[in-house]
């Protein structure tokens, strides 16, 4: 009777429980950090903030939205104008000749971007959220919830 024997299964259960607690704490810490970063409103470093030109200096968001007819008249010489008229959507704008990415991120409802460079490739996750003007000409609308793609030719290719 007075003999004690260590139970290997009991030690294994304690070790498994300790690993589970450490894993749960790690998940809580990582999740908490992600939540704090999301709530703090820190801008994504890879996407230039509104009002700041992209890496090649071609994109400059419009400061004040204007009415559609006035915007079309004012942007007749501008290669590309994008206006978000529906829900926020992810937009990707790239200069076709050199591959410079001018925009890659979510544009909010009411946001307008003008691009002075061409040729451009444009892709939107929800093309139905956008009003797209290419050299002042409104492009046919895309069905809501579907991917939208546009190509802006160089000015000399337009004529």
N, C-alpha and C. Protein backbone atom coordinates (compact mmCIF):
# COMPACT_ATOMS: atom_id res chain seq x y z
N UNK A 1 0.80 -1.16 0.00
CA UNK A 1 0.00 0.00 0.00
C UNK A 1 0.86 1.24 0.00
N UNK A 2 1.54 1.75 0.40
CA UNK A 2 2.19 3.03 0.43
C UNK A 2 2.99 3.34 -0.81
N UNK A 3 2.84 2.54 -1.85
CA UNK A 3 3.60 2.78 -3.06
C UNK A 3 2.90 3.78 -3.96
N UNK A 4 3.64 4.77 -4.43
CA UNK A 4 3.10 5.73 -5.40
C UNK A 4 3.80 5.51 -6.72
N UNK A 5 3.03 5.59 -7.70
CA UNK A 5 3.58 5.43 -9.02
C UNK A 5 3.07 6.59 -9.88
N UNK A 6 3.96 7.23 -10.62
CA UNK A 6 3.49 8.35 -11.46
C UNK A 6 2.70 7.77 -12.62
N UNK A 7 1.60 8.41 -12.91
CA UNK A 7 0.72 7.94 -13.97
C UNK A 7 1.05 8.69 -15.25
N UNK A 8 1.64 8.05 -16.28
CA UNK A 8 2.02 8.75 -17.50
C UNK A 8 0.81 9.36 -18.22
N UNK A 9 -0.33 8.71 -18.15
CA UNK A 9 -1.51 9.27 -18.80
C UNK A 9 -1.95 10.55 -18.12
N UNK A 10 -1.81 10.65 -16.84
CA UNK A 10 -2.17 11.85 -16.10
C UNK A 10 -1.27 13.01 -16.48
N UNK A 11 0.04 12.76 -16.64
CA UNK A 11 0.97 13.81 -17.06
C UNK A 11 0.68 14.26 -18.49
N UNK A 12 0.33 13.35 -19.35
CA UNK A 12 0.01 13.70 -20.73
C UNK A 12 -1.24 14.57 -20.79
N UNK A 13 -2.21 14.27 -19.97
CA UNK A 13 -3.43 15.09 -19.93
C UNK A 13 -3.12 16.50 -19.46
N UNK A 14 -2.26 16.62 -18.50
CA UNK A 14 -1.88 17.95 -18.01
C UNK A 14 -1.14 18.72 -19.10
N UNK A 15 -0.23 18.04 -19.81
CA UNK A 15 0.52 18.67 -20.88
C UNK A 15 -0.42 19.12 -22.02
N UNK A 16 -1.37 18.30 -22.40
CA UNK A 16 -2.33 18.66 -23.45
C UNK A 16 -3.16 19.86 -23.02
N UNK A 17 -3.60 19.88 -21.79
CA UNK A 17 -4.38 21.00 -21.28
C UNK A 17 -3.55 22.28 -21.30
N UNK A 18 -2.28 22.20 -20.93
CA UNK A 18 -1.40 23.38 -20.93
C UNK A 18 -1.20 23.91 -22.35
N UNK A 19 -0.99 23.01 -23.31
CA UNK A 19 -0.83 23.42 -24.71
C UNK A 19 -2.11 24.09 -25.21
N UNK A 20 -3.26 23.55 -24.86
CA UNK A 20 -4.54 24.13 -25.28
C UNK A 20 -4.71 25.53 -24.69
N UNK A 21 -4.34 25.73 -23.45
CA UNK A 21 -4.44 27.05 -22.81
C UNK A 21 -3.51 28.05 -23.50
N UNK A 22 -2.28 27.64 -23.81
CA UNK A 22 -1.33 28.52 -24.48
C UNK A 22 -1.85 28.89 -25.88
N UNK A 23 -2.39 27.92 -26.61
CA UNK A 23 -2.92 28.18 -27.94
C UNK A 23 -4.11 29.15 -27.87
N UNK A 24 -4.99 28.95 -26.91
CA UNK A 24 -6.14 29.84 -26.75
C UNK A 24 -5.69 31.26 -26.43
N UNK A 25 -4.70 31.41 -25.56
CA UNK A 25 -4.18 32.74 -25.24
C UNK A 25 -3.55 33.40 -26.46
N UNK A 26 -2.82 32.63 -27.26
CA UNK A 26 -2.20 33.19 -28.46
C UNK A 26 -3.28 33.67 -29.43
N UNK A 27 -4.34 32.89 -29.62
CA UNK A 27 -5.43 33.31 -30.49
C UNK A 27 -6.12 34.57 -29.97
N UNK A 28 -6.32 34.66 -28.67
CA UNK A 28 -6.93 35.85 -28.09
C UNK A 28 -6.06 37.08 -28.30
N UNK A 29 -4.77 36.95 -28.14
CA UNK A 29 -3.86 38.08 -28.31
C UNK A 29 -3.84 38.54 -29.76
N UNK A 30 -3.70 37.59 -30.70
CA UNK A 30 -3.67 37.95 -32.13
C UNK A 30 -5.00 38.56 -32.54
N UNK A 31 -6.11 37.99 -32.11
CA UNK A 31 -7.43 38.53 -32.43
C UNK A 31 -7.64 39.91 -31.84
N UNK A 32 -7.19 40.10 -30.62
CA UNK A 32 -7.30 41.41 -29.98
C UNK A 32 -6.49 42.47 -30.71
N UNK A 33 -5.27 42.11 -31.14
CA UNK A 33 -4.44 43.06 -31.88
C UNK A 33 -5.10 43.42 -33.21
N UNK A 34 -5.67 42.43 -33.90
CA UNK A 34 -6.34 42.69 -35.17
C UNK A 34 -7.55 43.60 -34.97
N UNK A 35 -8.30 43.38 -33.90
CA UNK A 35 -9.46 44.20 -33.59
C UNK A 35 -9.05 45.63 -33.29
N UNK A 36 -8.02 45.80 -32.51
CA UNK A 36 -7.54 47.15 -32.18
C UNK A 36 -7.08 47.87 -33.43
N UNK A 37 -6.35 47.19 -34.31
CA UNK A 37 -5.90 47.81 -35.56
C UNK A 37 -7.07 48.17 -36.46
N UNK A 38 -8.09 47.33 -36.49
CA UNK A 38 -9.25 47.60 -37.34
C UNK A 38 -10.06 48.78 -36.80
N UNK A 39 -10.19 48.88 -35.51
CA UNK A 39 -10.98 49.95 -34.90
C UNK A 39 -10.22 51.26 -34.86
N UNK A 40 -8.91 51.21 -34.75
CA UNK A 40 -8.13 52.44 -34.60
C UNK A 40 -8.15 53.29 -35.86
N UNK A 41 -8.51 52.70 -37.01
CA UNK A 41 -8.60 53.46 -38.24
C UNK A 41 -7.25 53.75 -38.86
N UNK A 42 -6.23 53.04 -38.50
CA UNK A 42 -4.91 53.23 -39.11
C UNK A 42 -5.03 52.95 -40.60
N UNK A 43 -4.57 53.86 -41.47
CA UNK A 43 -4.66 53.60 -42.91
C UNK A 43 -3.69 52.51 -43.33
N UNK A 44 -4.10 51.78 -44.35
CA UNK A 44 -3.25 50.74 -44.91
C UNK A 44 -2.08 51.41 -45.60
N UNK A 45 -0.86 51.00 -45.30
CA UNK A 45 0.33 51.64 -45.85
C UNK A 45 0.48 51.40 -47.35
N UNK A 46 -0.16 50.34 -47.90
CA UNK A 46 0.00 50.05 -49.31
C UNK A 46 -0.95 50.86 -50.19
N UNK A 47 -1.98 51.47 -49.61
CA UNK A 47 -2.94 52.25 -50.37
C UNK A 47 -2.78 53.71 -49.97
N UNK A 48 -2.52 54.61 -50.92
CA UNK A 48 -2.36 56.01 -50.54
C UNK A 48 -3.65 56.57 -50.00
N UNK A 49 -3.60 57.44 -48.98
CA UNK A 49 -4.81 58.01 -48.43
C UNK A 49 -5.46 58.96 -49.43
N UNK A 50 -6.74 59.27 -49.22
CA UNK A 50 -7.47 60.15 -50.12
C UNK A 50 -6.76 61.48 -50.23
N UNK A 51 -6.71 61.99 -51.45
CA UNK A 51 -6.09 63.29 -51.68
C UNK A 51 -4.61 63.22 -51.97
N UNK A 52 -3.99 62.05 -51.83
CA UNK A 52 -2.57 61.90 -52.09
C UNK A 52 -2.40 61.13 -53.38
N UNK A 53 -1.62 61.63 -54.32
CA UNK A 53 -1.44 60.90 -55.57
C UNK A 53 -0.78 59.56 -55.35
N UNK A 54 -1.02 58.65 -56.28
CA UNK A 54 -0.41 57.33 -56.22
C UNK A 54 1.06 57.42 -56.53
N UNK A 55 1.76 56.28 -56.62
CA UNK A 55 3.19 56.26 -56.82
C UNK A 55 3.65 57.01 -58.05
N UNK A 56 2.85 56.99 -59.12
CA UNK A 56 3.28 57.68 -60.34
C UNK A 56 2.70 59.08 -60.43
N UNK A 57 1.89 59.48 -59.44
CA UNK A 57 1.36 60.83 -59.41
C UNK A 57 0.18 61.04 -60.33
N UNK A 58 -0.35 60.00 -60.95
CA UNK A 58 -1.43 60.18 -61.92
C UNK A 58 -2.81 60.24 -61.31
N UNK A 59 -3.02 59.69 -60.15
CA UNK A 59 -4.35 59.64 -59.59
C UNK A 59 -4.53 60.74 -58.57
N UNK A 60 -5.61 61.47 -58.70
CA UNK A 60 -5.91 62.48 -57.70
C UNK A 60 -7.41 62.50 -57.50
N UNK A 61 -7.86 62.10 -56.30
CA UNK A 61 -9.28 62.06 -56.05
C UNK A 61 -9.88 63.46 -56.12
N UNK A 62 -11.10 63.54 -56.60
CA UNK A 62 -11.79 64.82 -56.68
C UNK A 62 -12.15 65.29 -55.28
N UNK A 63 -11.97 66.57 -55.03
CA UNK A 63 -12.24 67.12 -53.70
C UNK A 63 -13.73 67.22 -53.46
N UNK A 64 -14.50 67.63 -54.46
CA UNK A 64 -15.93 67.77 -54.27
C UNK A 64 -16.66 67.08 -55.40
N UNK A 65 -17.64 66.23 -55.05
CA UNK A 65 -18.40 65.59 -56.12
C UNK A 65 -19.28 66.62 -56.81
N UNK A 66 -19.44 66.51 -58.12
CA UNK A 66 -20.30 67.42 -58.85
C UNK A 66 -21.42 66.63 -59.50
N UNK A 67 -22.38 67.33 -60.05
CA UNK A 67 -23.51 66.65 -60.67
C UNK A 67 -23.02 65.90 -61.91
N UNK A 68 -23.68 64.81 -62.28
CA UNK A 68 -23.21 64.00 -63.41
C UNK A 68 -23.02 64.77 -64.72
N UNK A 69 -23.96 65.64 -65.18
CA UNK A 69 -23.71 66.34 -66.43
C UNK A 69 -22.50 67.26 -66.35
N UNK A 70 -22.36 67.99 -65.24
CA UNK A 70 -21.22 68.88 -65.08
C UNK A 70 -19.93 68.09 -65.00
N UNK A 71 -19.97 66.93 -64.35
CA UNK A 71 -18.78 66.10 -64.23
C UNK A 71 -18.37 65.57 -65.59
N UNK A 72 -19.35 65.20 -66.42
CA UNK A 72 -19.03 64.69 -67.74
C UNK A 72 -18.40 65.78 -68.60
N UNK A 73 -18.93 67.00 -68.51
CA UNK A 73 -18.38 68.10 -69.29
C UNK A 73 -16.98 68.46 -68.81
N UNK A 74 -16.80 68.49 -67.50
CA UNK A 74 -15.50 68.87 -66.94
C UNK A 74 -14.44 67.80 -67.16
N UNK A 75 -14.85 66.56 -67.34
CA UNK A 75 -13.89 65.48 -67.46
C UNK A 75 -13.75 64.95 -68.89
N UNK A 76 -14.19 65.74 -69.87
CA UNK A 76 -14.14 65.28 -71.25
C UNK A 76 -12.71 64.96 -71.69
N UNK A 77 -11.72 65.71 -71.20
CA UNK A 77 -10.34 65.46 -71.59
C UNK A 77 -9.61 64.54 -70.65
N UNK A 78 -10.25 64.18 -69.54
CA UNK A 78 -9.62 63.30 -68.54
C UNK A 78 -9.82 61.85 -68.99
N UNK A 79 -8.75 61.07 -69.04
CA UNK A 79 -8.89 59.68 -69.49
C UNK A 79 -9.90 58.86 -68.69
N UNK A 80 -9.89 58.99 -67.35
CA UNK A 80 -10.75 58.13 -66.54
C UNK A 80 -11.25 58.86 -65.31
N UNK A 81 -12.56 58.76 -65.08
CA UNK A 81 -13.17 59.25 -63.84
C UNK A 81 -14.03 58.10 -63.32
N UNK A 82 -13.82 57.77 -62.04
CA UNK A 82 -14.60 56.72 -61.39
C UNK A 82 -15.35 57.36 -60.23
N UNK A 83 -16.66 57.13 -60.17
CA UNK A 83 -17.47 57.62 -59.07
C UNK A 83 -18.21 56.43 -58.47
N UNK A 84 -18.12 56.28 -57.14
CA UNK A 84 -18.81 55.17 -56.47
C UNK A 84 -20.22 55.65 -56.13
N UNK A 85 -21.21 55.11 -56.82
CA UNK A 85 -22.59 55.50 -56.62
C UNK A 85 -23.37 54.47 -55.79
N UNK A 86 -22.81 53.30 -55.63
CA UNK A 86 -23.46 52.24 -54.85
C UNK A 86 -22.64 51.92 -53.62
N UNK A 87 -22.73 50.69 -53.13
CA UNK A 87 -21.95 50.28 -51.96
C UNK A 87 -20.45 50.35 -52.24
N UNK A 88 -19.67 50.51 -51.19
CA UNK A 88 -18.20 50.53 -51.33
C UNK A 88 -17.74 49.26 -52.04
N UNK A 89 -16.71 49.40 -52.85
CA UNK A 89 -16.21 48.26 -53.62
C UNK A 89 -14.70 48.37 -53.80
N UNK A 90 -14.07 47.24 -54.02
CA UNK A 90 -12.64 47.19 -54.27
C UNK A 90 -12.37 47.52 -55.73
N UNK A 91 -11.44 48.46 -55.95
CA UNK A 91 -11.11 48.90 -57.30
C UNK A 91 -9.61 48.77 -57.50
N UNK A 92 -9.23 48.33 -58.69
CA UNK A 92 -7.83 48.14 -59.06
C UNK A 92 -7.61 48.88 -60.38
N UNK A 93 -6.73 49.90 -60.36
CA UNK A 93 -6.42 50.66 -61.57
C UNK A 93 -4.93 50.57 -61.80
N UNK A 94 -4.55 50.15 -63.02
CA UNK A 94 -3.14 49.94 -63.36
C UNK A 94 -2.84 50.59 -64.70
N UNK A 95 -1.65 51.22 -64.78
CA UNK A 95 -1.18 51.76 -66.05
C UNK A 95 -0.74 50.58 -66.89
N UNK A 96 -1.32 50.43 -68.07
CA UNK A 96 -1.06 49.25 -68.90
C UNK A 96 0.35 49.19 -69.45
N UNK A 97 0.97 50.34 -69.72
CA UNK A 97 2.28 50.32 -70.36
C UNK A 97 3.41 49.95 -69.42
N UNK A 98 3.38 50.49 -68.19
CA UNK A 98 4.52 50.23 -67.29
C UNK A 98 4.14 49.41 -66.05
N UNK A 99 2.87 49.10 -65.86
CA UNK A 99 2.46 48.27 -64.74
C UNK A 99 2.30 48.98 -63.41
N UNK A 100 2.46 50.33 -63.39
CA UNK A 100 2.27 51.06 -62.13
C UNK A 100 0.83 50.91 -61.65
N UNK A 101 0.66 50.57 -60.39
CA UNK A 101 -0.67 50.44 -59.79
C UNK A 101 -1.03 51.79 -59.19
N UNK A 102 -2.09 52.41 -59.69
CA UNK A 102 -2.52 53.72 -59.20
C UNK A 102 -3.49 53.60 -58.04
N UNK A 103 -4.34 52.59 -58.08
CA UNK A 103 -5.30 52.36 -57.00
C UNK A 103 -5.46 50.86 -56.81
N UNK A 104 -5.43 50.44 -55.56
CA UNK A 104 -5.74 49.06 -55.21
C UNK A 104 -6.29 49.10 -53.80
N UNK A 105 -7.60 49.18 -53.71
CA UNK A 105 -8.22 49.26 -52.39
C UNK A 105 -9.71 49.50 -52.51
N UNK A 106 -10.33 49.70 -51.37
CA UNK A 106 -11.77 49.90 -51.30
C UNK A 106 -12.08 51.39 -51.45
N UNK A 107 -12.97 51.70 -52.37
CA UNK A 107 -13.45 53.07 -52.53
C UNK A 107 -14.83 53.15 -51.90
N UNK A 108 -15.05 54.18 -51.10
CA UNK A 108 -16.29 54.34 -50.36
C UNK A 108 -17.38 54.97 -51.22
N UNK A 109 -18.62 54.81 -50.81
CA UNK A 109 -19.75 55.41 -51.50
C UNK A 109 -19.56 56.92 -51.57
N UNK A 110 -19.77 57.49 -52.75
CA UNK A 110 -19.63 58.92 -52.94
C UNK A 110 -18.23 59.36 -53.33
N UNK A 111 -17.25 58.48 -53.25
CA UNK A 111 -15.87 58.82 -53.57
C UNK A 111 -15.69 58.90 -55.09
N UNK A 112 -14.91 59.89 -55.52
CA UNK A 112 -14.63 60.09 -56.95
C UNK A 112 -13.13 60.12 -57.14
N UNK A 113 -12.65 59.44 -58.17
CA UNK A 113 -11.22 59.45 -58.51
C UNK A 113 -11.06 59.82 -59.97
N UNK A 114 -10.07 60.68 -60.25
CA UNK A 114 -9.75 61.06 -61.62
C UNK A 114 -8.32 60.59 -61.91
N UNK A 115 -8.11 60.10 -63.11
CA UNK A 115 -6.80 59.60 -63.52
C UNK A 115 -6.40 60.31 -64.81
N UNK A 116 -5.23 60.91 -64.79
CA UNK A 116 -4.73 61.69 -65.91
C UNK A 116 -3.88 60.87 -66.88
N UNK A 117 -3.53 59.65 -66.50
CA UNK A 117 -2.66 58.82 -67.33
C UNK A 117 -3.48 57.87 -68.20
N UNK A 118 -2.86 57.37 -69.25
CA UNK A 118 -3.46 56.34 -70.07
C UNK A 118 -2.33 55.64 -70.81
N UNK A 119 -2.50 54.44 -71.25
CA UNK A 119 -3.66 53.57 -71.15
C UNK A 119 -3.78 52.96 -69.75
N UNK A 120 -5.01 52.63 -69.37
CA UNK A 120 -5.29 52.09 -68.03
C UNK A 120 -6.14 50.83 -68.13
N UNK A 121 -5.89 49.91 -67.20
CA UNK A 121 -6.75 48.75 -67.00
C UNK A 121 -7.46 48.94 -65.67
N UNK A 122 -8.78 48.75 -65.66
CA UNK A 122 -9.59 48.98 -64.47
C UNK A 122 -10.39 47.72 -64.18
N UNK A 123 -10.38 47.30 -62.91
CA UNK A 123 -11.19 46.16 -62.47
C UNK A 123 -11.86 46.55 -61.17
N UNK A 124 -13.15 46.25 -61.05
CA UNK A 124 -13.90 46.52 -59.81
C UNK A 124 -14.61 45.24 -59.39
N UNK A 125 -14.54 44.95 -58.09
CA UNK A 125 -15.21 43.76 -57.56
C UNK A 125 -16.71 43.83 -57.82
N UNK A 126 -17.32 44.98 -57.54
CA UNK A 126 -18.74 45.19 -57.79
C UNK A 126 -18.87 46.33 -58.79
N UNK A 127 -18.84 46.01 -60.07
CA UNK A 127 -18.89 47.02 -61.11
C UNK A 127 -20.20 47.81 -61.11
N UNK A 128 -21.26 47.24 -60.56
CA UNK A 128 -22.54 47.93 -60.49
C UNK A 128 -22.53 49.10 -59.52
N UNK A 129 -21.51 49.20 -58.68
CA UNK A 129 -21.39 50.30 -57.73
C UNK A 129 -20.75 51.53 -58.35
N UNK A 130 -20.22 51.40 -59.57
CA UNK A 130 -19.44 52.49 -60.15
C UNK A 130 -20.14 53.15 -61.33
N UNK A 131 -19.87 54.45 -61.45
CA UNK A 131 -20.16 55.18 -62.67
C UNK A 131 -18.79 55.47 -63.27
N UNK A 132 -18.55 55.03 -64.49
CA UNK A 132 -17.24 55.14 -65.12
C UNK A 132 -17.35 56.05 -66.34
N UNK A 133 -16.51 57.08 -66.37
CA UNK A 133 -16.42 57.98 -67.51
C UNK A 133 -15.04 57.82 -68.13
N UNK A 134 -15.01 57.51 -69.42
CA UNK A 134 -13.75 57.40 -70.16
C UNK A 134 -13.75 58.52 -71.19
N UNK A 135 -12.82 59.47 -71.03
CA UNK A 135 -12.75 60.67 -71.85
C UNK A 135 -14.11 61.38 -71.90
N UNK A 136 -14.78 61.44 -70.74
CA UNK A 136 -16.05 62.15 -70.62
C UNK A 136 -17.26 61.36 -71.05
N UNK A 137 -17.08 60.19 -71.61
CA UNK A 137 -18.21 59.38 -72.08
C UNK A 137 -18.56 58.34 -71.02
N UNK A 138 -19.82 58.40 -70.56
CA UNK A 138 -20.29 57.45 -69.54
C UNK A 138 -20.35 56.05 -70.15
N UNK A 139 -19.77 55.09 -69.44
CA UNK A 139 -19.73 53.71 -69.91
C UNK A 139 -21.02 53.00 -69.52
N UNK A 140 -21.43 51.98 -70.30
CA UNK A 140 -22.65 51.24 -69.96
C UNK A 140 -22.54 50.65 -68.54
N UNK A 141 -23.64 50.71 -67.79
CA UNK A 141 -23.60 50.18 -66.42
C UNK A 141 -23.40 48.66 -66.40
N UNK A 142 -22.80 48.20 -65.33
CA UNK A 142 -22.58 46.77 -65.11
C UNK A 142 -23.61 46.31 -64.09
N UNK A 143 -24.07 45.10 -64.19
CA UNK A 143 -25.06 44.56 -63.24
C UNK A 143 -24.49 44.58 -61.83
N UNK A 144 -25.34 44.94 -60.87
CA UNK A 144 -24.92 45.00 -59.47
C UNK A 144 -24.41 43.65 -59.01
N UNK A 145 -23.32 43.69 -58.27
CA UNK A 145 -22.75 42.47 -57.70
C UNK A 145 -21.83 41.71 -58.64
N UNK A 146 -21.66 42.19 -59.87
CA UNK A 146 -20.78 41.49 -60.81
C UNK A 146 -19.49 42.28 -61.01
N UNK A 147 -18.48 41.57 -61.42
CA UNK A 147 -17.16 42.16 -61.65
C UNK A 147 -17.23 43.09 -62.87
N UNK A 148 -16.61 44.25 -62.74
CA UNK A 148 -16.57 45.19 -63.85
C UNK A 148 -15.15 45.35 -64.34
N UNK A 149 -14.98 45.42 -65.67
CA UNK A 149 -13.66 45.60 -66.27
C UNK A 149 -13.77 46.64 -67.37
N UNK A 150 -12.80 47.57 -67.39
CA UNK A 150 -12.75 48.59 -68.42
C UNK A 150 -11.31 48.77 -68.86
N UNK A 151 -11.15 49.25 -70.09
CA UNK A 151 -9.82 49.55 -70.61
C UNK A 151 -9.87 50.96 -71.18
N UNK A 152 -8.93 51.80 -70.76
CA UNK A 152 -8.84 53.17 -71.23
C UNK A 152 -7.67 53.24 -72.20
N UNK A 153 -7.97 53.53 -73.46
CA UNK A 153 -6.90 53.63 -74.46
C UNK A 153 -6.14 54.94 -74.28
N UNK A 154 -4.96 54.99 -74.83
CA UNK A 154 -4.17 56.22 -74.82
C UNK A 154 -4.88 57.27 -75.65
N UNK A 155 -4.67 58.55 -75.33
CA UNK A 155 -5.34 59.65 -76.01
C UNK A 155 -5.19 59.58 -77.52
N UNK A 156 -3.98 59.28 -78.01
CA UNK A 156 -3.75 59.24 -79.45
C UNK A 156 -4.47 58.05 -80.11
N UNK A 157 -4.90 57.06 -79.33
CA UNK A 157 -5.63 55.92 -79.88
C UNK A 157 -7.12 56.19 -79.94
N UNK A 158 -7.58 57.25 -79.26
CA UNK A 158 -9.00 57.56 -79.19
C UNK A 158 -9.52 58.12 -80.50
N UNK A 159 -8.73 58.87 -81.25
CA UNK A 159 -9.20 59.57 -82.44
C UNK A 159 -9.27 58.71 -83.64
